[in-house]
Every structure is written in C-alpha cells, then in structure tokens.
Amino acid sequence: MGTGGVGVVDIRVTSSLGTSPAVPRGQFAYGGPAAAAVTGIGPDTGRVGDHVQIDGLNFASDVQVYFGDNLAEIIDSGPAQLVVKAPNPTIGFGKPSTINVTVLTNGYSSPASPADEFTYLERHGL
C-alpha cells in the first residue's frame, strides 16, 4: 500500500478450499475520503414506495442508495441521514424478501451489515 497514497485494494481470502474471487464489494479503500456506513434503517420492513430513513456516517452529496441491485429515489439527504422511497424489488424464484440497503458515495459502497437489512412485506399481485 505505501505511505501517503490513495487507492483501493481487493480483499481476498485463501483457505484449503482455494482463494475467493475479487469482487467490487470486497474492496478496501485507503487514504481517500471516509467511507460511508449504514448504522440503521427505519422502518426495516415495508412495501414498494414506502419512505425509509437511513441513518449512518459520511454521506456525501453524490449519494446513491440501492435496495439489493435496485436504485432508490432519494427524497431528502444529509451527511448522516437519508430518506428514500423503497424501489421495486428484484422478484422471482429464489429471490429473498430481505435484502441489504447499500449507500454508494465518494465512489465507495457501504459495507453490508445486519443494520442495513430491509424486508419487503408480501407483495400481492406481483
């Protein structure tokens, strides 16, 4: 990594079964702006179109919010709190109803944690 530099490195794990692949969400950023983190969401269950408050750290003006792979509409934003509309979920056989809410800001994604899980309530007619 070197001293005084700015960059991103892949985090990979090696075990007796082999080495994990390099993936975009498995990266570590150093020397740049502070990474965003989600500390809680409320409500943590709901339906498409519901307003969801996201609490966290280091949300910049370029913030984007994803529910799984789906971009949410931002209603209000600040450096430690966002309000978004829950987007249509990716549906289909084998798709979970509980997904991670990810904040993308300053070019980096917030790490997944139990604090960012949102569960879509049963969707009739979908």
C-alpha atoms as a PDB file:
ATOM      1  CA  MET A   1       0.000   0.000   0.000  1.00  0.00           C
ATOM      2  CA  GLY A   2       2.755   2.508   0.601  1.00  0.00           C
ATOM      3  CA  THR A   3       2.575   5.578   2.773  1.00  0.00           C
ATOM      4  CA  GLY A   4       0.644   8.699   1.905  1.00  0.00           C
ATOM      5  CA  GLY A   5      -1.096   7.099  -1.048  1.00  0.00           C
ATOM      6  CA  VAL A   6      -4.707   6.781  -2.031  1.00  0.00           C
ATOM      7  CA  GLY A   7      -6.134   3.623  -3.502  1.00  0.00           C
ATOM      8  CA  VAL A   8      -8.364   0.605  -3.418  1.00  0.00           C
ATOM      9  CA  VAL A   9      -7.258  -2.998  -2.969  1.00  0.00           C
ATOM     10  CA  ASP A  10      -9.162  -6.241  -3.365  1.00  0.00           C
ATOM     11  CA  ILE A  11      -9.758  -8.284  -0.222  1.00  0.00           C
ATOM     12  CA  ARG A  12      -9.434 -11.986  -0.948  1.00  0.00           C
ATOM     13  CA  VAL A  13      -9.461 -14.953   1.393  1.00  0.00           C
ATOM     14  CA  THR A  14      -7.334 -18.052   0.909  1.00  0.00           C
ATOM     15  CA  SER A  15      -8.134 -21.332   2.646  1.00  0.00           C
ATOM     16  CA  SER A  16      -7.617 -25.013   1.988  1.00  0.00           C
ATOM     17  CA  LEU A  17     -10.519 -24.757  -0.482  1.00  0.00           C
ATOM     18  CA  GLY A  18      -8.826 -22.102  -2.604  1.00  0.00           C
ATOM     19  CA  THR A  19      -8.885 -18.322  -2.961  1.00  0.00           C
ATOM     20  CA  SER A  20     -12.024 -16.191  -3.118  1.00  0.00           C
ATOM     21  CA  PRO A  21     -12.597 -14.136  -6.261  1.00  0.00           C
ATOM     22  CA  ALA A  22     -12.024 -10.385  -6.367  1.00  0.00           C
ATOM     23  CA  VAL A  23     -15.427  -8.657  -6.321  1.00  0.00           C
ATOM     24  CA  PRO A  24     -16.355  -4.937  -6.273  1.00  0.00           C
ATOM     25  CA  ARG A  25     -17.970  -5.106  -2.816  1.00  0.00           C
ATOM     26  CA  GLY A  26     -14.931  -6.918  -1.391  1.00  0.00           C
ATOM     27  CA  GLN A  27     -12.574  -3.961  -1.557  1.00  0.00           C
ATOM     28  CA  PHE A  28     -10.714  -1.822   0.963  1.00  0.00           C
ATOM     29  CA  ALA A  29     -10.146   1.876   0.306  1.00  0.00           C
ATOM     30  CA  TYR A  30      -7.297   3.754   1.951  1.00  0.00           C
ATOM     31  CA  GLY A  31      -6.080   7.315   2.061  1.00  0.00           C
ATOM     32  CA  GLY A  32      -9.189   8.844   0.491  1.00  0.00           C
ATOM     33  CA  PRO A  33     -12.429  10.228   1.827  1.00  0.00           C
ATOM     34  CA  ALA A  34     -14.018   8.414   4.748  1.00  0.00           C
ATOM     35  CA  ALA A  35     -16.204   5.506   3.696  1.00  0.00           C
ATOM     36  CA  ALA A  36     -19.951   5.605   4.280  1.00  0.00           C
ATOM     37  CA  ALA A  37     -21.555   3.282   6.796  1.00  0.00           C
ATOM     38  CA  VAL A  38     -25.207   2.499   7.457  1.00  0.00           C
ATOM     39  CA  THR A  39     -25.961   2.367  11.184  1.00  0.00           C
ATOM     40  CA  GLY A  40     -29.703   1.726  10.950  1.00  0.00           C
ATOM     41  CA  ILE A  41     -32.825   1.969   8.824  1.00  0.00           C
ATOM     42  CA  GLY A  42     -36.431   2.545   9.739  1.00  0.00           C
ATOM     43  CA  PRO A  43     -38.769   1.071   9.159  1.00  0.00           C
ATOM     44  CA  ASP A  44     -36.863  -2.088   8.320  1.00  0.00           C
ATOM     45  CA  THR A  45     -39.922  -3.689   6.708  1.00  0.00           C
ATOM     46  CA  GLY A  46     -42.266  -2.259   4.121  1.00  0.00           C
ATOM     47  CA  ARG A  47     -43.582  -2.161   0.596  1.00  0.00           C
ATOM     48  CA  VAL A  48     -42.628  -0.567  -2.708  1.00  0.00           C
ATOM     49  CA  GLY A  49     -42.916   3.223  -2.468  1.00  0.00           C
ATOM     50  CA  ASP A  50     -42.685   3.394   1.330  1.00  0.00           C
ATOM     51  CA  HIS A  51     -40.377   6.080   2.716  1.00  0.00           C
ATOM     52  CA  VAL A  52     -37.374   4.614   4.530  1.00  0.00           C
ATOM     53  CA  GLN A  53     -34.997   6.598   6.741  1.00  0.00           C
ATOM     54  CA  ILE A  54     -31.351   5.562   6.567  1.00  0.00           C
ATOM     55  CA  ASP A  55     -29.035   6.637   9.382  1.00  0.00           C
ATOM     56  CA  GLY A  56     -25.289   6.473   9.009  1.00  0.00           C
ATOM     57  CA  LEU A  57     -21.986   8.232   8.550  1.00  0.00           C
ATOM     58  CA  ASN A  58     -20.179  10.121   5.801  1.00  0.00           C
ATOM     59  CA  PHE A  59     -22.970  10.513   3.249  1.00  0.00           C
ATOM     60  CA  ALA A  60     -21.700  12.939   0.573  1.00  0.00           C
ATOM     61  CA  SER A  61     -23.651  14.990  -1.982  1.00  0.00           C
ATOM     62  CA  ASP A  62     -23.188  12.318  -4.700  1.00  0.00           C
ATOM     63  CA  VAL A  63     -25.019   9.680  -2.637  1.00  0.00           C
ATOM     64  CA  GLN A  64     -26.955   6.822  -4.246  1.00  0.00           C
ATOM     65  CA  VAL A  65     -28.941   4.173  -2.361  1.00  0.00           C
ATOM     66  CA  TYR A  66     -29.544   0.623  -3.551  1.00  0.00           C
ATOM     67  CA  PHE A  67     -32.035  -1.904  -2.195  1.00  0.00           C
ATOM     68  CA  GLY A  68     -30.226  -5.016  -3.344  1.00  0.00           C
ATOM     69  CA  ASP A  69     -29.494  -4.162  -7.001  1.00  0.00           C
ATOM     70  CA  ASN A  70     -32.283  -1.590  -7.344  1.00  0.00           C
ATOM     71  CA  LEU A  71     -31.671   2.164  -7.189  1.00  0.00           C
ATOM     72  CA  ALA A  72     -33.913   4.046  -4.748  1.00  0.00           C
ATOM     73  CA  GLU A  73     -35.267   7.562  -5.241  1.00  0.00           C
ATOM     74  CA  ILE A  74     -33.788   9.974  -2.691  1.00  0.00           C
ATOM     75  CA  ILE A  75     -36.394  12.197  -1.023  1.00  0.00           C
ATOM     76  CA  ASP A  76     -34.069  14.038   1.403  1.00  0.00           C
ATOM     77  CA  SER A  77     -30.357  13.786   2.176  1.00  0.00           C
ATOM     78  CA  GLY A  78     -27.808  14.942   4.713  1.00  0.00           C
ATOM     79  CA  PRO A  79     -24.360  13.782   5.893  1.00  0.00           C
ATOM     80  CA  ALA A  80     -25.824  11.397   8.499  1.00  0.00           C
ATOM     81  CA  GLN A  81     -29.412  10.743   7.383  1.00  0.00           C
ATOM     82  CA  LEU A  82     -31.241   9.951   4.156  1.00  0.00           C
ATOM     83  CA  VAL A  83     -34.901   9.437   3.307  1.00  0.00           C
ATOM     84  CA  VAL A  84     -35.606   7.306   0.234  1.00  0.00           C
ATOM     85  CA  LYS A  85     -38.509   5.558  -1.482  1.00  0.00           C
ATOM     86  CA  ALA A  86     -38.286   1.775  -1.440  1.00  0.00           C
ATOM     87  CA  PRO A  87     -37.880   0.723  -5.099  1.00  0.00           C
ATOM     88  CA  ASN A  88     -39.427  -2.263  -6.849  1.00  0.00           C
ATOM     89  CA  PRO A  89     -37.574  -5.362  -5.665  1.00  0.00           C
ATOM     90  CA  THR A  90     -35.994  -7.929  -7.924  1.00  0.00           C
ATOM     91  CA  ILE A  91     -38.580 -10.687  -7.808  1.00  0.00           C
ATOM     92  CA  GLY A  92     -38.618 -14.255  -8.934  1.00  0.00           C
ATOM     93  CA  PHE A  93     -37.972 -17.774  -7.815  1.00  0.00           C
ATOM     94  CA  GLY A  94     -35.203 -17.922  -5.237  1.00  0.00           C
ATOM     95  CA  LYS A  95     -35.045 -14.151  -4.656  1.00  0.00           C
ATOM     96  CA  PRO A  96     -35.065 -13.241  -0.958  1.00  0.00           C
ATOM     97  CA  SER A  97     -37.571 -10.808   0.517  1.00  0.00           C
ATOM     98  CA  THR A  98     -34.864  -9.465   2.877  1.00  0.00           C
ATOM     99  CA  ILE A  99     -32.125  -7.503   1.137  1.00  0.00           C
ATOM    100  CA  ASN A 100     -29.233  -5.235   2.062  1.00  0.00           C
ATOM    101  CA  VAL A 101     -29.540  -1.474   1.643  1.00  0.00           C
ATOM    102  CA  THR A 102     -26.250  -0.107   0.316  1.00  0.00           C
ATOM    103  CA  VAL A 103     -25.128   3.516   0.208  1.00  0.00           C
ATOM    104  CA  LEU A 104     -22.749   4.458  -2.604  1.00  0.00           C
ATOM    105  CA  THR A 105     -20.915   7.745  -2.065  1.00  0.00           C
ATOM    106  CA  ASN A 106     -17.466   9.143  -2.867  1.00  0.00           C
ATOM    107  CA  GLY A 107     -17.023   6.153  -5.188  1.00  0.00           C
ATOM    108  CA  TYR A 108     -17.329   3.564  -2.420  1.00  0.00           C
ATOM    109  CA  SER A 109     -20.142   1.314  -1.176  1.00  0.00           C
ATOM    110  CA  SER A 110     -21.098   0.955   2.467  1.00  0.00           C
ATOM    111  CA  PRO A 111     -20.324  -2.500   3.859  1.00  0.00           C
ATOM    112  CA  ALA A 112     -23.259  -4.870   4.348  1.00  0.00           C
ATOM    113  CA  SER A 113     -24.340  -5.495   7.921  1.00  0.00           C
ATOM    114  CA  PRO A 114     -27.437  -6.556   9.862  1.00  0.00           C
ATOM    115  CA  ALA A 115     -28.132  -2.823  10.453  1.00  0.00           C
ATOM    116  CA  ASP A 116     -28.934  -2.280   6.759  1.00  0.00           C
ATOM    117  CA  GLU A 117     -31.378  -5.139   6.123  1.00  0.00           C
ATOM    118  CA  PHE A 118     -34.820  -4.314   4.703  1.00  0.00           C
ATOM    119  CA  THR A 119     -37.597  -6.883   4.331  1.00  0.00           C
ATOM    120  CA  TYR A 120     -40.255  -6.428   1.699  1.00  0.00           C
ATOM    121  CA  LEU A 121     -43.659  -7.404   3.027  1.00  0.00           C
ATOM    122  CA  GLU A 122     -45.654  -9.871   0.981  1.00  0.00           C
ATOM    123  CA  ARG A 123     -46.456  -8.415  -2.396  1.00  0.00           C
ATOM    124  CA  HIS A 124     -49.896  -9.429  -3.725  1.00  0.00           C
ATOM    125  CA  GLY A 125     -50.376  -9.375  -7.448  1.00  0.00           C
ATOM    126  CA  LEU A 126     -46.657  -9.432  -8.302  1.00  0.00           C
END
